[in-house]
Amino acid sequence: MAPASKAQQKAVAKYMKANYDEIKIRVSKGKKETITDYAQKQGKSLNGYINEAIDAKIERDKKEPPADNS
């Protein structure tokens, strides 16, 4: 497959900016590899796996809100 042209790269960047928000997270050294390996074993991308985990946590919390620790 030929590399993307400058016009294609620009179009993709424009699409991504218009349709997605970015969140940068930090994890302990080595944890990224662990998460990536697990995601691949599940047949998912790292991004897809993290989004699925976040969505699942939100749904669980809707059913059983976290304890109030105040």
PDB file of N, CA and C in Angstrom:
ATOM      1  N   MET A   1       0.849  -1.171   0.000  1.00  0.00           N
ATOM      2  CA  MET A   1       0.000   0.000   0.000  1.00  0.00           C
ATOM      3  C   MET A   1       0.897   1.238   0.000  1.00  0.00           C
ATOM      4  N   ALA A   2       0.584   2.178  -0.833  1.00  0.00           N
ATOM      5  CA  ALA A   2       1.359   3.415  -0.939  1.00  0.00           C
ATOM      6  C   ALA A   2       1.111   4.294   0.284  1.00  0.00           C
ATOM      7  N   PRO A   3       2.134   5.042   0.692  1.00  0.00           N
ATOM      8  CA  PRO A   3       1.932   5.952   1.820  1.00  0.00           C
ATOM      9  C   PRO A   3       0.870   7.002   1.488  1.00  0.00           C
ATOM     10  N   ALA A   4       0.214   7.489   2.520  1.00  0.00           N
ATOM     11  CA  ALA A   4      -0.835   8.495   2.327  1.00  0.00           C
ATOM     12  C   ALA A   4      -0.230   9.794   1.808  1.00  0.00           C
ATOM     13  N   SER A   5      -0.927  10.413   0.883  1.00  0.00           N
ATOM     14  CA  SER A   5      -0.467  11.698   0.353  1.00  0.00           C
ATOM     15  C   SER A   5      -0.678  12.783   1.409  1.00  0.00           C
ATOM     16  N   LYS A   6      -0.062  13.918   1.191  1.00  0.00           N
ATOM     17  CA  LYS A   6      -0.240  15.055   2.110  1.00  0.00           C
ATOM     18  C   LYS A   6      -1.716  15.450   2.193  1.00  0.00           C
ATOM     19  N   ALA A   7      -2.410  15.403   1.055  1.00  0.00           N
ATOM     20  CA  ALA A   7      -3.837  15.751   1.038  1.00  0.00           C
ATOM     21  C   ALA A   7      -4.643  14.752   1.859  1.00  0.00           C
ATOM     22  N   GLN A   8      -4.311  13.467   1.754  1.00  0.00           N
ATOM     23  CA  GLN A   8      -5.016  12.448   2.538  1.00  0.00           C
ATOM     24  C   GLN A   8      -4.753  12.648   4.026  1.00  0.00           C
ATOM     25  N   GLN A   9      -3.498  12.908   4.376  1.00  0.00           N
ATOM     26  CA  GLN A   9      -3.144  13.132   5.777  1.00  0.00           C
ATOM     27  C   GLN A   9      -3.899  14.338   6.336  1.00  0.00           C
ATOM     28  N   LYS A  10      -3.987  15.400   5.544  1.00  0.00           N
ATOM     29  CA  LYS A  10      -4.697  16.608   5.964  1.00  0.00           C
ATOM     30  C   LYS A  10      -6.191  16.324   6.143  1.00  0.00           C
ATOM     31  N   ALA A  11      -6.761  15.554   5.218  1.00  0.00           N
ATOM     32  CA  ALA A  11      -8.183  15.213   5.302  1.00  0.00           C
ATOM     33  C   ALA A  11      -8.474  14.370   6.542  1.00  0.00           C
ATOM     34  N   VAL A  12      -7.610  13.412   6.833  1.00  0.00           N
ATOM     35  CA  VAL A  12      -7.790  12.566   8.016  1.00  0.00           C
ATOM     36  C   VAL A  12      -7.681  13.412   9.281  1.00  0.00           C
ATOM     37  N   ALA A  13      -6.689  14.295   9.339  1.00  0.00           N
ATOM     38  CA  ALA A  13      -6.518  15.159  10.510  1.00  0.00           C
ATOM     39  C   ALA A  13      -7.746  16.043  10.716  1.00  0.00           C
ATOM     40  N   LYS A  14      -8.286  16.583   9.637  1.00  0.00           N
ATOM     41  CA  LYS A  14      -9.484  17.432   9.715  1.00  0.00           C
ATOM     42  C   LYS A  14     -10.678  16.628  10.223  1.00  0.00           C
ATOM     43  N   TYR A  15     -10.848  15.412   9.707  1.00  0.00           N
ATOM     44  CA  TYR A  15     -11.941  14.535  10.133  1.00  0.00           C
ATOM     45  C   TYR A  15     -11.807  14.202  11.620  1.00  0.00           C
ATOM     46  N   MET A  16     -10.597  13.830  12.036  1.00  0.00           N
ATOM     47  CA  MET A  16     -10.374  13.456  13.435  1.00  0.00           C
ATOM     48  C   MET A  16     -10.682  14.635  14.363  1.00  0.00           C
ATOM     49  N   LYS A  17     -10.239  15.824  13.982  1.00  0.00           N
ATOM     50  CA  LYS A  17     -10.469  17.005  14.813  1.00  0.00           C
ATOM     51  C   LYS A  17     -11.960  17.315  14.926  1.00  0.00           C
ATOM     52  N   ALA A  18     -12.692  17.123  13.840  1.00  0.00           N
ATOM     53  CA  ALA A  18     -14.121  17.436  13.826  1.00  0.00           C
ATOM     54  C   ALA A  18     -14.968  16.399  14.555  1.00  0.00           C
ATOM     55  N   ASN A  19     -14.485  15.146  14.641  1.00  0.00           N
ATOM     56  CA  ASN A  19     -15.332  14.062  15.135  1.00  0.00           C
ATOM     57  C   ASN A  19     -14.875  13.395  16.427  1.00  0.00           C
ATOM     58  N   TYR A  20     -13.691  13.700  16.901  1.00  0.00           N
ATOM     59  CA  TYR A  20     -13.168  13.024  18.086  1.00  0.00           C
ATOM     60  C   TYR A  20     -12.504  14.000  19.034  1.00  0.00           C
ATOM     61  N   ASP A  21     -12.610  13.721  20.321  1.00  0.00           N
ATOM     62  CA  ASP A  21     -11.830  14.408  21.347  1.00  0.00           C
ATOM     63  C   ASP A  21     -10.658  13.505  21.684  1.00  0.00           C
ATOM     64  N   GLU A  22      -9.564  14.099  22.124  1.00  0.00           N
ATOM     65  CA  GLU A  22      -8.405  13.309  22.529  1.00  0.00           C
ATOM     66  C   GLU A  22      -8.204  13.436  24.025  1.00  0.00           C
ATOM     67  N   ILE A  23      -7.838  12.320  24.644  1.00  0.00           N
ATOM     68  CA  ILE A  23      -7.501  12.284  26.057  1.00  0.00           C
ATOM     69  C   ILE A  23      -6.152  11.584  26.158  1.00  0.00           C
ATOM     70  N   LYS A  24      -5.214  12.219  26.808  1.00  0.00           N
ATOM     71  CA  LYS A  24      -3.908  11.597  27.006  1.00  0.00           C
ATOM     72  C   LYS A  24      -3.869  11.070  28.438  1.00  0.00           C
ATOM     73  N   ILE A  25      -3.502   9.812  28.594  1.00  0.00           N
ATOM     74  CA  ILE A  25      -3.403   9.234  29.936  1.00  0.00           C
ATOM     75  C   ILE A  25      -1.977   8.759  30.178  1.00  0.00           C
ATOM     76  N   ARG A  26      -1.616   8.667  31.420  1.00  0.00           N
ATOM     77  CA  ARG A  26      -0.297   8.153  31.800  1.00  0.00           C
ATOM     78  C   ARG A  26      -0.515   6.910  32.653  1.00  0.00           C
ATOM     79  N   VAL A  27       0.303   5.901  32.391  1.00  0.00           N
ATOM     80  CA  VAL A  27       0.254   4.661  33.164  1.00  0.00           C
ATOM     81  C   VAL A  27       1.669   4.323  33.616  1.00  0.00           C
ATOM     82  N   SER A  28       1.774   3.477  34.612  1.00  0.00           N
ATOM     83  CA  SER A  28       3.076   3.059  35.116  1.00  0.00           C
ATOM     84  C   SER A  28       3.882   2.397  34.012  1.00  0.00           C
ATOM     85  N   LYS A  29       5.200   2.530  34.093  1.00  0.00           N
ATOM     86  CA  LYS A  29       6.104   1.919  33.121  1.00  0.00           C
ATOM     87  C   LYS A  29       5.774   0.436  32.994  1.00  0.00           C
ATOM     88  N   GLY A  30       5.603  -0.028  31.773  1.00  0.00           N
ATOM     89  CA  GLY A  30       5.306  -1.429  31.500  1.00  0.00           C
ATOM     90  C   GLY A  30       3.823  -1.745  31.420  1.00  0.00           C
ATOM     91  N   LYS A  31       2.985  -0.880  31.985  1.00  0.00           N
ATOM     92  CA  LYS A  31       1.545  -1.152  31.995  1.00  0.00           C
ATOM     93  C   LYS A  31       0.929  -1.018  30.610  1.00  0.00           C
ATOM     94  N   LYS A  32       1.455  -0.097  29.805  1.00  0.00           N
ATOM     95  CA  LYS A  32       0.935   0.069  28.446  1.00  0.00           C
ATOM     96  C   LYS A  32       1.083  -1.235  27.672  1.00  0.00           C
ATOM     97  N   GLU A  33       2.236  -1.864  27.795  1.00  0.00           N
ATOM     98  CA  GLU A  33       2.467  -3.135  27.096  1.00  0.00           C
ATOM     99  C   GLU A  33       1.504  -4.206  27.593  1.00  0.00           C
ATOM    100  N   THR A  34       1.269  -4.256  28.890  1.00  0.00           N
ATOM    101  CA  THR A  34       0.340  -5.228  29.461  1.00  0.00           C
ATOM    102  C   THR A  34      -1.070  -5.010  28.921  1.00  0.00           C
ATOM    103  N   ILE A  35      -1.513  -3.759  28.905  1.00  0.00           N
ATOM    104  CA  ILE A  35      -2.859  -3.447  28.420  1.00  0.00           C
ATOM    105  C   ILE A  35      -2.966  -3.731  26.929  1.00  0.00           C
ATOM    106  N   THR A  36      -1.943  -3.344  26.167  1.00  0.00           N
ATOM    107  CA  THR A  36      -1.937  -3.580  24.720  1.00  0.00           C
ATOM    108  C   THR A  36      -2.005  -5.067  24.416  1.00  0.00           C
ATOM    109  N   ASP A  37      -1.205  -5.872  25.114  1.00  0.00           N
ATOM    110  CA  ASP A  37      -1.219  -7.324  24.909  1.00  0.00           C
ATOM    111  C   ASP A  37      -2.597  -7.900  25.208  1.00  0.00           C
ATOM    112  N   TYR A  38      -3.206  -7.467  26.308  1.00  0.00           N
ATOM    113  CA  TYR A  38      -4.526  -7.972  26.673  1.00  0.00           C
ATOM    114  C   TYR A  38      -5.567  -7.569  25.639  1.00  0.00           C
ATOM    115  N   ALA A  39      -5.494  -6.321  25.180  1.00  0.00           N
ATOM    116  CA  ALA A  39      -6.437  -5.846  24.161  1.00  0.00           C
ATOM    117  C   ALA A  39      -6.315  -6.684  22.891  1.00  0.00           C
ATOM    118  N   GLN A  40      -5.084  -6.961  22.460  1.00  0.00           N
ATOM    119  CA  GLN A  40      -4.867  -7.762  21.253  1.00  0.00           C
ATOM    120  C   GLN A  40      -5.431  -9.166  21.422  1.00  0.00           C
ATOM    121  N   LYS A  41      -5.274  -9.746  22.602  1.00  0.00           N
ATOM    122  CA  LYS A  41      -5.826 -11.083  22.861  1.00  0.00           C
ATOM    123  C   LYS A  41      -7.350 -11.072  22.786  1.00  0.00           C
ATOM    124  N   GLN A  42      -7.944  -9.906  23.051  1.00  0.00           N
ATOM    125  CA  GLN A  42      -9.398  -9.754  22.963  1.00  0.00           C
ATOM    126  C   GLN A  42      -9.831  -9.361  21.551  1.00  0.00           C
ATOM    127  N   GLY A  43      -8.849  -9.210  20.650  1.00  0.00           N
ATOM    128  CA  GLY A  43      -9.153  -8.828  19.271  1.00  0.00           C
ATOM    129  C   GLY A  43      -9.520  -7.357  19.121  1.00  0.00           C
ATOM    130  N   LYS A  44      -8.997  -6.525  20.026  1.00  0.00           N
ATOM    131  CA  LYS A  44      -9.328  -5.101  20.010  1.00  0.00           C
ATOM    132  C   LYS A  44      -8.057  -4.263  19.909  1.00  0.00           C
ATOM    133  N   SER A  45      -8.230  -3.033  19.443  1.00  0.00           N
ATOM    134  CA  SER A  45      -7.127  -2.075  19.481  1.00  0.00           C
ATOM    135  C   SER A  45      -7.006  -1.562  20.913  1.00  0.00           C
ATOM    136  N   LEU A  46      -5.881  -0.944  21.221  1.00  0.00           N
ATOM    137  CA  LEU A  46      -5.705  -0.358  22.548  1.00  0.00           C
ATOM    138  C   LEU A  46      -6.785   0.690  22.804  1.00  0.00           C
ATOM    139  N   ASN A  47      -7.016   1.553  21.823  1.00  0.00           N
ATOM    140  CA  ASN A  47      -8.041   2.589  21.955  1.00  0.00           C
ATOM    141  C   ASN A  47      -9.425   1.979  22.150  1.00  0.00           C
ATOM    142  N   GLY A  48      -9.756   0.993  21.341  1.00  0.00           N
ATOM    143  CA  GLY A  48     -11.060   0.346  21.454  1.00  0.00           C
ATOM    144  C   GLY A  48     -11.254  -0.325  22.802  1.00  0.00           C
ATOM    145  N   TYR A  49     -10.199  -0.984  23.285  1.00  0.00           N
ATOM    146  CA  TYR A  49     -10.269  -1.670  24.578  1.00  0.00           C
ATOM    147  C   TYR A  49     -10.480  -0.669  25.717  1.00  0.00           C
ATOM    148  N   ILE A  50      -9.727   0.431  25.700  1.00  0.00           N
ATOM    149  CA  ILE A  50      -9.860   1.435  26.755  1.00  0.00           C
ATOM    150  C   ILE A  50     -11.249   2.072  26.718  1.00  0.00           C
ATOM    151  N   ASN A  51     -11.739   2.402  25.523  1.00  0.00           N
ATOM    152  CA  ASN A  51     -13.088   2.972  25.412  1.00  0.00           C
ATOM    153  C   ASN A  51     -14.140   2.003  25.929  1.00  0.00           C
ATOM    154  N   GLU A  52     -13.998   0.720  25.603  1.00  0.00           N
ATOM    155  CA  GLU A  52     -14.946  -0.292  26.073  1.00  0.00           C
ATOM    156  C   GLU A  52     -14.908  -0.398  27.597  1.00  0.00           C
ATOM    157  N   ALA A  53     -13.715  -0.354  28.176  1.00  0.00           N
ATOM    158  CA  ALA A  53     -13.579  -0.440  29.631  1.00  0.00           C
ATOM    159  C   ALA A  53     -14.225   0.767  30.313  1.00  0.00           C
ATOM    160  N   ILE A  54     -14.020   1.948  29.752  1.00  0.00           N
ATOM    161  CA  ILE A  54     -14.628   3.158  30.313  1.00  0.00           C
ATOM    162  C   ILE A  54     -16.149   3.072  30.233  1.00  0.00           C
ATOM    163  N   ASP A  55     -16.663   2.672  29.076  1.00  0.00           N
ATOM    164  CA  ASP A  55     -18.120   2.547  28.911  1.00  0.00           C
ATOM    165  C   ASP A  55     -18.705   1.540  29.899  1.00  0.00           C
ATOM    166  N   ALA A  56     -18.013   0.408  30.098  1.00  0.00           N
ATOM    167  CA  ALA A  56     -18.491  -0.616  31.027  1.00  0.00           C
ATOM    168  C   ALA A  56     -18.512  -0.075  32.455  1.00  0.00           C
ATOM    169  N   LYS A  57     -17.490   0.675  32.844  1.00  0.00           N
ATOM    170  CA  LYS A  57     -17.427   1.252  34.188  1.00  0.00           C
ATOM    171  C   LYS A  57     -18.557   2.255  34.395  1.00  0.00           C
ATOM    172  N   ILE A  58     -18.816   3.080  33.401  1.00  0.00           N
ATOM    173  CA  ILE A  58     -19.909   4.055  33.502  1.00  0.00           C
ATOM    174  C   ILE A  58     -21.248   3.340  33.666  1.00  0.00           C
ATOM    175  N   GLU A  59     -21.478   2.290  32.894  1.00  0.00           N
ATOM    176  CA  GLU A  59     -22.734   1.531  32.996  1.00  0.00           C
ATOM    177  C   GLU A  59     -22.871   0.878  34.366  1.00  0.00           C
ATOM    178  N   ARG A  60     -21.779   0.306  34.908  1.00  0.00           N
ATOM    179  CA  ARG A  60     -21.825  -0.294  36.252  1.00  0.00           C
ATOM    180  C   ARG A  60     -22.159   0.762  37.295  1.00  0.00           C
ATOM    181  N   ASP A  61     -21.540   1.936  37.169  1.00  0.00           N
ATOM    182  CA  ASP A  61     -21.785   3.000  38.142  1.00  0.00           C
ATOM    183  C   ASP A  61     -23.209   3.534  38.067  1.00  0.00           C
ATOM    184  N   LYS A  62     -23.815   3.496  36.893  1.00  0.00           N
ATOM    185  CA  LYS A  62     -25.214   3.924  36.773  1.00  0.00           C
ATOM    186  C   LYS A  62     -26.120   2.983  37.554  1.00  0.00           C
ATOM    187  N   LYS A  63     -25.787   1.693  37.550  1.00  0.00           N
ATOM    188  CA  LYS A  63     -26.593   0.697  38.261  1.00  0.00           C
ATOM    189  C   LYS A  63     -26.320   0.733  39.754  1.00  0.00           C
ATOM    190  N   GLU A  64     -25.070   0.955  40.123  1.00  0.00           N
ATOM    191  CA  GLU A  64     -24.670   0.981  41.528  1.00  0.00           C
ATOM    192  C   GLU A  64     -23.661   2.109  41.711  1.00  0.00           C
ATOM    193  N   PRO A  65     -24.139   3.302  42.041  1.00  0.00           N
ATOM    194  CA  PRO A  65     -23.221   4.441  42.174  1.00  0.00           C
ATOM    195  C   PRO A  65     -22.107   4.153  43.176  1.00  0.00           C
ATOM    196  N   PRO A  66     -20.918   4.702  42.931  1.00  0.00           N
ATOM    197  CA  PRO A  66     -19.807   4.478  43.857  1.00  0.00           C
ATOM    198  C   PRO A  66     -20.130   5.012  45.249  1.00  0.00           C
ATOM    199  N   ALA A  67     -19.538   4.412  46.260  1.00  0.00           N
ATOM    200  CA  ALA A  67     -19.772   4.828  47.644  1.00  0.00           C
ATOM    201  C   ALA A  67     -19.285   6.256  47.847  1.00  0.00           C
ATOM    202  N   ASP A  68     -19.995   7.000  48.658  1.00  0.00           N
ATOM    203  CA  ASP A  68     -19.595   8.368  48.988  1.00  0.00           C
ATOM    204  C   ASP A  68     -18.542   8.287  50.081  1.00  0.00           C
ATOM    205  N   ASN A  69     -17.326   8.686  49.766  1.00  0.00           N
ATOM    206  CA  ASN A  69     -16.217   8.578  50.713  1.00  0.00           C
ATOM    207  C   ASN A  69     -15.972   9.863  51.491  1.00  0.00           C
ATOM    208  N   SER A  70     -16.940  10.762  51.523  1.00  0.00           N
ATOM    209  CA  SER A  70     -16.714  12.031  52.232  1.00  0.00           C
ATOM    210  C   SER A  70     -17.064  11.929  53.688  1.00  0.00           C
TER     211      SER A  70
END
